[in-house]
Amino acid sequence: MFNHPEFGELRTVEIDGVVWFVGKDVAEALGYSNARKAVLVHVDAEDKGVTKWDTPGGTQQMTIINESGLYALILSSKLPSAKEFKHWVTSEV
């Protein structure tokens, strides 16, 4: 999990040596008003998947995106903060 004061928490999971991000976290950090729709519209099918995640409410299915999906959301964002988010991800995450 990565945490940033402006962008919040980004949950991650490593599968077969590849880091996947929880799509909802990325979309919300980028300011998309509908995180689910943003992932659906902007991330290609081969760049997303589903994993089980333990939450306080029990185990839930989470949509995860790979690095390519992450950049698809960043490049599709019209918000000025997307550039700063991209810099944070590429330099620290």
Protein backbone atom coordinates (compact mmCIF):
# COMPACT_ATOMS: atom_id res chain seq x y z
CA MET A 1 0.00 0.00 0.00
CA PHE A 2 1.26 3.45 -0.89
CA ASN A 3 0.09 6.61 0.83
CA HIS A 4 0.29 10.24 -0.27
CA PRO A 5 -1.14 13.24 1.62
CA GLU A 6 -2.87 14.64 -1.48
CA PHE A 7 -3.82 11.45 -3.33
CA GLY A 8 -4.62 9.12 -0.44
CA GLU A 9 -3.93 5.39 -0.32
CA LEU A 10 -3.21 3.16 -3.29
CA ARG A 11 -3.71 -0.48 -2.47
CA THR A 12 -1.55 -2.90 -4.42
CA VAL A 13 -1.17 -6.63 -4.77
CA GLU A 14 1.71 -8.54 -6.31
CA ILE A 15 0.77 -11.44 -8.59
CA ASP A 16 3.52 -13.49 -10.22
CA GLY A 17 6.02 -10.69 -9.61
CA VAL A 18 3.78 -8.02 -11.18
CA VAL A 19 2.36 -5.15 -9.13
CA TRP A 20 -1.35 -4.52 -9.66
CA PHE A 21 -3.21 -1.47 -8.33
CA VAL A 22 -6.79 -1.36 -7.06
CA GLY A 23 -8.48 0.48 -9.93
CA LYS A 24 -10.91 2.34 -7.68
CA ASP A 25 -8.06 3.82 -5.64
CA VAL A 26 -6.27 5.11 -8.74
CA ALA A 27 -9.42 6.55 -10.32
CA GLU A 28 -10.42 8.30 -7.09
CA ALA A 29 -6.90 9.68 -6.58
CA LEU A 30 -7.08 11.15 -10.08
CA GLY A 31 -10.43 12.78 -9.31
CA TYR A 32 -12.73 10.75 -11.55
CA SER A 33 -16.30 11.26 -10.36
CA ASN A 34 -17.25 7.65 -11.18
CA ALA A 35 -14.28 5.37 -10.45
CA ARG A 36 -15.94 2.20 -11.73
CA LYS A 37 -16.88 3.82 -15.04
CA ALA A 38 -13.40 5.33 -15.44
CA VAL A 39 -11.76 1.90 -15.16
CA LEU A 40 -14.37 0.37 -17.47
CA VAL A 41 -14.02 3.03 -20.17
CA HIS A 42 -10.31 3.89 -20.07
CA VAL A 43 -8.54 0.62 -19.18
CA ASP A 44 -8.24 -2.15 -21.79
CA ALA A 45 -9.48 -5.60 -20.81
CA GLU A 46 -5.98 -7.11 -20.90
CA ASP A 47 -4.80 -4.49 -18.38
CA LYS A 48 -7.33 -5.31 -15.66
CA GLY A 49 -8.42 -8.25 -13.60
CA VAL A 50 -10.19 -9.17 -10.38
CA THR A 51 -8.81 -10.35 -7.06
CA LYS A 52 -10.26 -11.12 -3.64
CA TRP A 53 -9.47 -8.58 -0.94
CA ASP A 54 -10.09 -8.83 2.80
CA THR A 55 -11.92 -5.75 4.09
CA PRO A 56 -13.54 -4.91 7.43
CA GLY A 57 -16.86 -5.93 5.82
CA GLY A 58 -15.47 -9.30 4.71
CA THR A 59 -13.84 -10.59 1.56
CA GLN A 60 -14.71 -8.59 -1.55
CA GLN A 61 -13.88 -8.75 -5.24
CA MET A 62 -11.68 -5.84 -6.34
CA THR A 63 -10.91 -4.74 -9.87
CA ILE A 64 -7.16 -4.41 -10.24
CA ILE A 65 -5.15 -2.77 -13.00
CA ASN A 66 -1.57 -3.25 -14.11
CA GLU A 67 0.95 -0.50 -14.85
CA SER A 68 -0.38 -0.02 -18.38
CA GLY A 69 -3.89 0.43 -16.97
CA LEU A 70 -2.53 2.91 -14.44
CA TYR A 71 -1.09 5.05 -17.23
CA ALA A 72 -4.28 4.76 -19.25
CA LEU A 73 -6.19 6.37 -16.38
CA ILE A 74 -3.52 9.05 -15.89
CA LEU A 75 -3.40 9.99 -19.57
CA SER A 76 -7.20 10.05 -19.83
CA SER A 77 -7.57 12.43 -16.90
CA LYS A 78 -8.20 16.07 -17.72
CA LEU A 79 -7.35 17.21 -14.21
CA PRO A 80 -4.23 19.29 -13.54
CA SER A 81 -3.41 16.99 -10.61
CA ALA A 82 -2.91 14.06 -13.01
CA LYS A 83 0.55 15.33 -13.94
CA GLU A 84 1.57 15.56 -10.28
CA PHE A 85 0.06 12.11 -9.63
CA LYS A 86 2.07 10.67 -12.56
CA HIS A 87 5.25 12.19 -11.14
CA TRP A 88 4.55 10.72 -7.71
CA VAL A 89 3.86 7.27 -9.14
CA THR A 90 6.92 7.21 -11.39
CA SER A 91 9.31 8.59 -8.77
CA GLU A 92 8.11 6.91 -5.58
CA VAL A 93 5.66 4.09 -6.21
